[in-house]
Amino acid sequence: MKRLGFVGIIVEDRGKCAGIVNDVLSNFSELILARTGLPNAKGSTSIITLVIDATTDELGVLTGKLGNIPGVSVKSGLAKK
């Protein structure tokens, strides 16, 4: 069952990671309802927030792929219903 949720992404080195992060997000574009970003939030650190409509499995695959990128931290959550 799909539920609404969020994904928070912190990219520590935008120059090295941005392209890889964008490729992953493009591959999961069908799950993403909204995307906001703050490039260069502090130095070369950027923040991306996503609003998603996904199953727990889909969310796990997305966050797993993002979390495996060196220099990227991910947190997420889904609505209970």
PDB file of N, CA and C in Angstrom:
ATOM      1  N   MET A   1       0.838  -1.176   0.000  1.00  0.00           N
ATOM      2  CA  MET A   1       0.000   0.000   0.000  1.00  0.00           C
ATOM      3  C   MET A   1       0.891   1.249   0.000  1.00  0.00           C
ATOM      4  N   LYS A   2       0.629   2.143  -0.918  1.00  0.00           N
ATOM      5  CA  LYS A   2       1.401   3.389  -0.998  1.00  0.00           C
ATOM      6  C   LYS A   2       0.912   4.380   0.046  1.00  0.00           C
ATOM      7  N   ARG A   3       1.872   5.121   0.612  1.00  0.00           N
ATOM      8  CA  ARG A   3       1.559   6.146   1.604  1.00  0.00           C
ATOM      9  C   ARG A   3       2.386   7.392   1.310  1.00  0.00           C
ATOM     10  N   LEU A   4       1.888   8.521   1.792  1.00  0.00           N
ATOM     11  CA  LEU A   4       2.639   9.758   1.667  1.00  0.00           C
ATOM     12  C   LEU A   4       3.803   9.745   2.646  1.00  0.00           C
ATOM     13  N   GLY A   5       4.867  10.396   2.266  1.00  0.00           N
ATOM     14  CA  GLY A   5       6.021  10.459   3.151  1.00  0.00           C
ATOM     15  C   GLY A   5       6.995  11.524   2.711  1.00  0.00           C
ATOM     16  N   PHE A   6       8.147  11.536   3.361  1.00  0.00           N
ATOM     17  CA  PHE A   6       9.195  12.506   3.041  1.00  0.00           C
ATOM     18  C   PHE A   6      10.553  11.813   3.020  1.00  0.00           C
ATOM     19  N   VAL A   7      11.475  12.430   2.324  1.00  0.00           N
ATOM     20  CA  VAL A   7      12.870  12.014   2.331  1.00  0.00           C
ATOM     21  C   VAL A   7      13.701  13.287   2.480  1.00  0.00           C
ATOM     22  N   GLY A   8      14.582  13.302   3.461  1.00  0.00           N
ATOM     23  CA  GLY A   8      15.517  14.404   3.648  1.00  0.00           C
ATOM     24  C   GLY A   8      16.907  13.931   3.255  1.00  0.00           C
ATOM     25  N   ILE A   9      17.557  14.682   2.390  1.00  0.00           N
ATOM     26  CA  ILE A   9      18.855  14.294   1.857  1.00  0.00           C
ATOM     27  C   ILE A   9      19.854  15.414   2.129  1.00  0.00           C
ATOM     28  N   ILE A  10      20.978  15.080   2.739  1.00  0.00           N
ATOM     29  CA  ILE A  10      22.060  16.033   2.933  1.00  0.00           C
ATOM     30  C   ILE A  10      23.232  15.575   2.063  1.00  0.00           C
ATOM     31  N   VAL A  11      23.660  16.464   1.180  1.00  0.00           N
ATOM     32  CA  VAL A  11      24.763  16.182   0.273  1.00  0.00           C
ATOM     33  C   VAL A  11      25.960  16.994   0.759  1.00  0.00           C
ATOM     34  N   GLU A  12      26.977  16.307   1.263  1.00  0.00           N
ATOM     35  CA  GLU A  12      28.123  16.979   1.882  1.00  0.00           C
ATOM     36  C   GLU A  12      29.089  17.596   0.871  1.00  0.00           C
ATOM     37  N   ASP A  13      29.249  16.989  -0.287  1.00  0.00           N
ATOM     38  CA  ASP A  13      30.141  17.532  -1.309  1.00  0.00           C
ATOM     39  C   ASP A  13      29.379  17.577  -2.622  1.00  0.00           C
ATOM     40  N   ARG A  14      28.734  18.691  -2.850  1.00  0.00           N
ATOM     41  CA  ARG A  14      27.857  18.827  -4.004  1.00  0.00           C
ATOM     42  C   ARG A  14      28.586  18.548  -5.315  1.00  0.00           C
ATOM     43  N   GLY A  15      29.816  18.997  -5.426  1.00  0.00           N
ATOM     44  CA  GLY A  15      30.573  18.796  -6.657  1.00  0.00           C
ATOM     45  C   GLY A  15      30.773  17.341  -7.016  1.00  0.00           C
ATOM     46  N   LYS A  16      30.979  16.493  -6.018  1.00  0.00           N
ATOM     47  CA  LYS A  16      31.223  15.065  -6.260  1.00  0.00           C
ATOM     48  C   LYS A  16      29.939  14.257  -6.347  1.00  0.00           C
ATOM     49  N   CYS A  17      28.907  14.648  -5.597  1.00  0.00           N
ATOM     50  CA  CYS A  17      27.730  13.792  -5.417  1.00  0.00           C
ATOM     51  C   CYS A  17      26.490  14.208  -6.195  1.00  0.00           C
ATOM     52  N   ALA A  18      26.386  15.462  -6.603  1.00  0.00           N
ATOM     53  CA  ALA A  18      25.128  15.966  -7.169  1.00  0.00           C
ATOM     54  C   ALA A  18      24.658  15.171  -8.373  1.00  0.00           C
ATOM     55  N   GLY A  19      25.564  14.858  -9.278  1.00  0.00           N
ATOM     56  CA  GLY A  19      25.174  14.112 -10.473  1.00  0.00           C
ATOM     57  C   GLY A  19      24.644  12.729 -10.145  1.00  0.00           C
ATOM     58  N   ILE A  20      25.289  12.056  -9.214  1.00  0.00           N
ATOM     59  CA  ILE A  20      24.867  10.704  -8.822  1.00  0.00           C
ATOM     60  C   ILE A  20      23.509  10.760  -8.137  1.00  0.00           C
ATOM     61  N   VAL A  21      23.334  11.727  -7.226  1.00  0.00           N
ATOM     62  CA  VAL A  21      22.054  11.885  -6.527  1.00  0.00           C
ATOM     63  C   VAL A  21      20.947  12.166  -7.537  1.00  0.00           C
ATOM     64  N   ASN A  22      21.182  13.062  -8.471  1.00  0.00           N
ATOM     65  CA  ASN A  22      20.162  13.386  -9.474  1.00  0.00           C
ATOM     66  C   ASN A  22      19.821  12.193 -10.351  1.00  0.00           C
ATOM     67  N   ASP A  23      20.805  11.356 -10.677  1.00  0.00           N
ATOM     68  CA  ASP A  23      20.533  10.143 -11.455  1.00  0.00           C
ATOM     69  C   ASP A  23      19.613   9.201 -10.685  1.00  0.00           C
ATOM     70  N   VAL A  24      19.892   9.008  -9.394  1.00  0.00           N
ATOM     71  CA  VAL A  24      19.045   8.133  -8.570  1.00  0.00           C
ATOM     72  C   VAL A  24      17.635   8.702  -8.495  1.00  0.00           C
ATOM     73  N   LEU A  25      17.516  10.001  -8.232  1.00  0.00           N
ATOM     74  CA  LEU A  25      16.190  10.612  -8.126  1.00  0.00           C
ATOM     75  C   LEU A  25      15.422  10.520  -9.439  1.00  0.00           C
ATOM     76  N   SER A  26      16.109  10.649 -10.560  1.00  0.00           N
ATOM     77  CA  SER A  26      15.454  10.503 -11.869  1.00  0.00           C
ATOM     78  C   SER A  26      14.894   9.096 -12.052  1.00  0.00           C
ATOM     79  N   ASN A  27      15.630   8.098 -11.562  1.00  0.00           N
ATOM     80  CA  ASN A  27      15.174   6.711 -11.679  1.00  0.00           C
ATOM     81  C   ASN A  27      13.950   6.425 -10.825  1.00  0.00           C
ATOM     82  N   PHE A  28      13.707   7.249  -9.813  1.00  0.00           N
ATOM     83  CA  PHE A  28      12.564   7.059  -8.919  1.00  0.00           C
ATOM     84  C   PHE A  28      11.550   8.191  -9.053  1.00  0.00           C
ATOM     85  N   SER A  29      11.561   8.868 -10.191  1.00  0.00           N
ATOM     86  CA  SER A  29      10.713  10.054 -10.375  1.00  0.00           C
ATOM     87  C   SER A  29       9.222   9.755 -10.228  1.00  0.00           C
ATOM     88  N   GLU A  30       8.806   8.526 -10.498  1.00  0.00           N
ATOM     89  CA  GLU A  30       7.379   8.193 -10.383  1.00  0.00           C
ATOM     90  C   GLU A  30       6.900   8.220  -8.929  1.00  0.00           C
ATOM     91  N   LEU A  31       7.814   8.172  -7.972  1.00  0.00           N
ATOM     92  CA  LEU A  31       7.448   8.216  -6.552  1.00  0.00           C
ATOM     93  C   LEU A  31       7.423   9.631  -5.996  1.00  0.00           C
ATOM     94  N   ILE A  32       8.073  10.565  -6.681  1.00  0.00           N
ATOM     95  CA  ILE A  32       8.301  11.905  -6.149  1.00  0.00           C
ATOM     96  C   ILE A  32       7.167  12.844  -6.550  1.00  0.00           C
ATOM     97  N   LEU A  33       6.486  13.397  -5.539  1.00  0.00           N
ATOM     98  CA  LEU A  33       5.417  14.362  -5.775  1.00  0.00           C
ATOM     99  C   LEU A  33       5.953  15.794  -5.777  1.00  0.00           C
ATOM    100  N   ALA A  34       6.942  16.066  -4.946  1.00  0.00           N
ATOM    101  CA  ALA A  34       7.526  17.404  -4.852  1.00  0.00           C
ATOM    102  C   ALA A  34       8.982  17.289  -4.444  1.00  0.00           C
ATOM    103  N   ARG A  35       9.762  18.265  -4.907  1.00  0.00           N
ATOM    104  CA  ARG A  35      11.191  18.290  -4.580  1.00  0.00           C
ATOM    105  C   ARG A  35      11.598  19.739  -4.350  1.00  0.00           C
ATOM    106  N   THR A  36      12.268  19.980  -3.233  1.00  0.00           N
ATOM    107  CA  THR A  36      12.831  21.306  -2.971  1.00  0.00           C
ATOM    108  C   THR A  36      14.292  21.122  -2.597  1.00  0.00           C
ATOM    109  N   GLY A  37      15.080  22.123  -2.889  1.00  0.00           N
ATOM    110  CA  GLY A  37      16.489  22.016  -2.575  1.00  0.00           C
ATOM    111  C   GLY A  37      17.070  23.346  -2.154  1.00  0.00           C
ATOM    112  N   LEU A  38      18.091  23.261  -1.346  1.00  0.00           N
ATOM    113  CA  LEU A  38      18.838  24.432  -0.908  1.00  0.00           C
ATOM    114  C   LEU A  38      20.300  24.178  -1.249  1.00  0.00           C
ATOM    115  N   PRO A  39      20.736  24.617  -2.443  1.00  0.00           N
ATOM    116  CA  PRO A  39      22.129  24.409  -2.807  1.00  0.00           C
ATOM    117  C   PRO A  39      23.031  25.292  -1.954  1.00  0.00           C
ATOM    118  N   ASN A  40      24.180  24.777  -1.627  1.00  0.00           N
ATOM    119  CA  ASN A  40      25.157  25.528  -0.837  1.00  0.00           C
ATOM    120  C   ASN A  40      24.565  26.067   0.460  1.00  0.00           C
ATOM    121  N   ALA A  41      23.868  25.194   1.187  1.00  0.00           N
ATOM    122  CA  ALA A  41      23.287  25.593   2.466  1.00  0.00           C
ATOM    123  C   ALA A  41      24.374  26.097   3.408  1.00  0.00           C
ATOM    124  N   LYS A  42      25.517  25.459   3.368  1.00  0.00           N
ATOM    125  CA  LYS A  42      26.660  25.866   4.185  1.00  0.00           C
ATOM    126  C   LYS A  42      27.906  25.342   3.479  1.00  0.00           C
ATOM    127  N   GLY A  43      28.635  26.221   2.838  1.00  0.00           N
ATOM    128  CA  GLY A  43      29.802  25.784   2.080  1.00  0.00           C
ATOM    129  C   GLY A  43      29.389  24.970   0.879  1.00  0.00           C
ATOM    130  N   SER A  44      29.876  23.748   0.801  1.00  0.00           N
ATOM    131  CA  SER A  44      29.516  22.879  -0.332  1.00  0.00           C
ATOM    132  C   SER A  44      28.436  21.868   0.055  1.00  0.00           C
ATOM    133  N   THR A  45      27.799  22.070   1.215  1.00  0.00           N
ATOM    134  CA  THR A  45      26.738  21.179   1.668  1.00  0.00           C
ATOM    135  C   THR A  45      25.389  21.649   1.135  1.00  0.00           C
ATOM    136  N   SER A  46      24.620  20.731   0.567  1.00  0.00           N
ATOM    137  CA  SER A  46      23.289  21.033   0.040  1.00  0.00           C
ATOM    138  C   SER A  46      22.253  20.151   0.719  1.00  0.00           C
ATOM    139  N   ILE A  47      21.012  20.629   0.722  1.00  0.00           N
ATOM    140  CA  ILE A  47      19.903  19.873   1.313  1.00  0.00           C
ATOM    141  C   ILE A  47      18.796  19.749   0.281  1.00  0.00           C
ATOM    142  N   ILE A  48      18.263  18.542   0.156  1.00  0.00           N
ATOM    143  CA  ILE A  48      17.131  18.268  -0.727  1.00  0.00           C
ATOM    144  C   ILE A  48      16.036  17.623   0.113  1.00  0.00           C
ATOM    145  N   THR A  49      14.804  18.081  -0.072  1.00  0.00           N
ATOM    146  CA  THR A  49      13.671  17.426   0.576  1.00  0.00           C
ATOM    147  C   THR A  49      12.702  16.951  -0.507  1.00  0.00           C
ATOM    148  N   LEU A  50      12.178  15.754  -0.300  1.00  0.00           N
ATOM    149  CA  LEU A  50      11.226  15.170  -1.231  1.00  0.00           C
ATOM    150  C   LEU A  50       9.925  14.855  -0.513  1.00  0.00           C
ATOM    151  N   VAL A  51       8.814  15.031  -1.195  1.00  0.00           N
ATOM    152  CA  VAL A  51       7.528  14.494  -0.760  1.00  0.00           C
ATOM    153  C   VAL A  51       7.257  13.333  -1.707  1.00  0.00           C
ATOM    154  N   ILE A  52       6.976  12.180  -1.138  1.00  0.00           N
ATOM    155  CA  ILE A  52       6.833  10.976  -1.955  1.00  0.00           C
ATOM    156  C   ILE A  52       5.494  10.275  -1.695  1.00  0.00           C
ATOM    157  N   ASP A  53       5.118   9.423  -2.631  1.00  0.00           N
ATOM    158  CA  ASP A  53       3.980   8.513  -2.484  1.00  0.00           C
ATOM    159  C   ASP A  53       4.533   7.140  -2.842  1.00  0.00           C
ATOM    160  N   ALA A  54       4.813   6.322  -1.808  1.00  0.00           N
ATOM    161  CA  ALA A  54       5.546   5.079  -2.042  1.00  0.00           C
ATOM    162  C   ALA A  54       5.160   4.007  -1.031  1.00  0.00           C
ATOM    163  N   THR A  55       5.471   2.773  -1.374  1.00  0.00           N
ATOM    164  CA  THR A  55       5.348   1.672  -0.424  1.00  0.00           C
ATOM    165  C   THR A  55       6.617   1.659   0.433  1.00  0.00           C
ATOM    166  N   THR A  56       6.587   0.898   1.512  1.00  0.00           N
ATOM    167  CA  THR A  56       7.779   0.800   2.357  1.00  0.00           C
ATOM    168  C   THR A  56       8.942   0.187   1.578  1.00  0.00           C
ATOM    169  N   ASP A  57       8.656  -0.768   0.715  1.00  0.00           N
ATOM    170  CA  ASP A  57       9.714  -1.387  -0.090  1.00  0.00           C
ATOM    171  C   ASP A  57      10.330  -0.384  -1.064  1.00  0.00           C
ATOM    172  N   GLU A  58       9.477   0.384  -1.742  1.00  0.00           N
ATOM    173  CA  GLU A  58       9.983   1.382  -2.687  1.00  0.00           C
ATOM    174  C   GLU A  58      10.825   2.437  -1.964  1.00  0.00           C
ATOM    175  N   LEU A  59      10.350   2.874  -0.805  1.00  0.00           N
ATOM    176  CA  LEU A  59      11.095   3.853  -0.022  1.00  0.00           C
ATOM    177  C   LEU A  59      12.437   3.275   0.412  1.00  0.00           C
ATOM    178  N   GLY A  60      12.451   2.025   0.814  1.00  0.00           N
ATOM    179  CA  GLY A  60      13.689   1.379   1.235  1.00  0.00           C
ATOM    180  C   GLY A  60      14.715   1.293   0.122  1.00  0.00           C
ATOM    181  N   VAL A  61      14.269   0.989  -1.082  1.00  0.00           N
ATOM    182  CA  VAL A  61      15.193   0.905  -2.213  1.00  0.00           C
ATOM    183  C   VAL A  61      15.747   2.297  -2.531  1.00  0.00           C
ATOM    184  N   LEU A  62      14.877   3.302  -2.556  1.00  0.00           N
ATOM    185  CA  LEU A  62      15.315   4.668  -2.844  1.00  0.00           C
ATOM    186  C   LEU A  62      16.321   5.156  -1.809  1.00  0.00           C
ATOM    187  N   THR A  63      15.985   5.053  -0.548  1.00  0.00           N
ATOM    188  CA  THR A  63      16.880   5.555   0.496  1.00  0.00           C
ATOM    189  C   THR A  63      18.156   4.730   0.586  1.00  0.00           C
ATOM    190  N   GLY A  64      18.071   3.441   0.292  1.00  0.00           N
ATOM    191  CA  GLY A  64      19.259   2.594   0.285  1.00  0.00           C
ATOM    192  C   GLY A  64      20.243   3.019  -0.785  1.00  0.00           C
ATOM    193  N   LYS A  65      19.736   3.283  -1.988  1.00  0.00           N
ATOM    194  CA  LYS A  65      20.613   3.721  -3.079  1.00  0.00           C
ATOM    195  C   LYS A  65      21.236   5.079  -2.760  1.00  0.00           C
ATOM    196  N   LEU A  66      20.436   5.999  -2.207  1.00  0.00           N
ATOM    197  CA  LEU A  66      20.975   7.310  -1.851  1.00  0.00           C
ATOM    198  C   LEU A  66      21.992   7.199  -0.717  1.00  0.00           C
ATOM    199  N   GLY A  67      21.678   6.390   0.284  1.00  0.00           N
ATOM    200  CA  GLY A  67      22.554   6.236   1.438  1.00  0.00           C
ATOM    201  C   GLY A  67      23.881   5.575   1.121  1.00  0.00           C
ATOM    202  N   ASN A  68      23.949   4.851   0.019  1.00  0.00           N
ATOM    203  CA  ASN A  68      25.197   4.203  -0.389  1.00  0.00           C
ATOM    204  C   ASN A  68      26.140   5.134  -1.145  1.00  0.00           C
ATOM    205  N   ILE A  69      25.688   6.342  -1.425  1.00  0.00           N
ATOM    206  CA  ILE A  69      26.542   7.318  -2.104  1.00  0.00           C
ATOM    207  C   ILE A  69      27.431   7.971  -1.041  1.00  0.00           C
ATOM    208  N   PRO A  70      28.754   7.905  -1.195  1.00  0.00           N
ATOM    209  CA  PRO A  70      29.638   8.537  -0.206  1.00  0.00           C
ATOM    210  C   PRO A  70      29.350  10.039  -0.101  1.00  0.00           C
ATOM    211  N   GLY A  71      29.250  10.529   1.131  1.00  0.00           N
ATOM    212  CA  GLY A  71      28.997  11.944   1.359  1.00  0.00           C
ATOM    213  C   GLY A  71      27.533  12.327   1.379  1.00  0.00           C
ATOM    214  N   VAL A  72      26.629  11.329   1.322  1.00  0.00           N
ATOM    215  CA  VAL A  72      25.191  11.600   1.338  1.00  0.00           C
ATOM    216  C   VAL A  72      24.571  10.953   2.565  1.00  0.00           C
ATOM    217  N   SER A  73      23.754  11.742   3.288  1.00  0.00           N
ATOM    218  CA  SER A  73      23.004  11.237   4.444  1.00  0.00           C
ATOM    219  C   SER A  73      21.519  11.347   4.130  1.00  0.00           C
ATOM    220  N   VAL A  74      20.747  10.334   4.564  1.00  0.00           N
ATOM    221  CA  VAL A  74      19.320  10.285   4.223  1.00  0.00           C
ATOM    222  C   VAL A  74      18.502   9.923   5.450  1.00  0.00           C
ATOM    223  N   LYS A  75      17.370  10.596   5.617  1.00  0.00           N
ATOM    224  CA  LYS A  75      16.360  10.250   6.626  1.00  0.00           C
ATOM    225  C   LYS A  75      15.016  10.286   5.933  1.00  0.00           C
ATOM    226  N   SER A  76      14.099   9.424   6.391  1.00  0.00           N
ATOM    227  CA  SER A  76      12.794   9.366   5.731  1.00  0.00           C
ATOM    228  C   SER A  76      11.709   8.949   6.710  1.00  0.00           C
ATOM    229  N   GLY A  77      10.478   9.119   6.273  1.00  0.00           N
ATOM    230  CA  GLY A  77       9.341   8.687   7.060  1.00  0.00           C
ATOM    231  C   GLY A  77       8.108   8.578   6.174  1.00  0.00           C
ATOM    232  N   LEU A  78       7.187   7.689   6.583  1.00  0.00           N
ATOM    233  CA  LEU A  78       5.921   7.509   5.871  1.00  0.00           C
ATOM    234  C   LEU A  78       4.765   7.731   6.838  1.00  0.00           C
ATOM    235  N   ALA A  79       3.657   8.230   6.308  1.00  0.00           N
ATOM    236  CA  ALA A  79       2.448   8.377   7.109  1.00  0.00           C
ATOM    237  C   ALA A  79       1.972   6.999   7.567  1.00  0.00           C
ATOM    238  N   LYS A  80       1.276   6.965   8.696  1.00  0.00           N
ATOM    239  CA  LYS A  80       0.799   5.680   9.213  1.00  0.00           C
ATOM    240  C   LYS A  80      -0.293   5.073   8.360  1.00  0.00           C
ATOM    241  N   LYS A  81      -1.086   5.903   7.683  1.00  0.00           N
ATOM    242  CA  LYS A  81      -2.175   5.391   6.851  1.00  0.00           C
ATOM    243  C   LYS A  81      -1.994   5.797   5.430  1.00  0.00           C
TER     244      LYS A  81
END
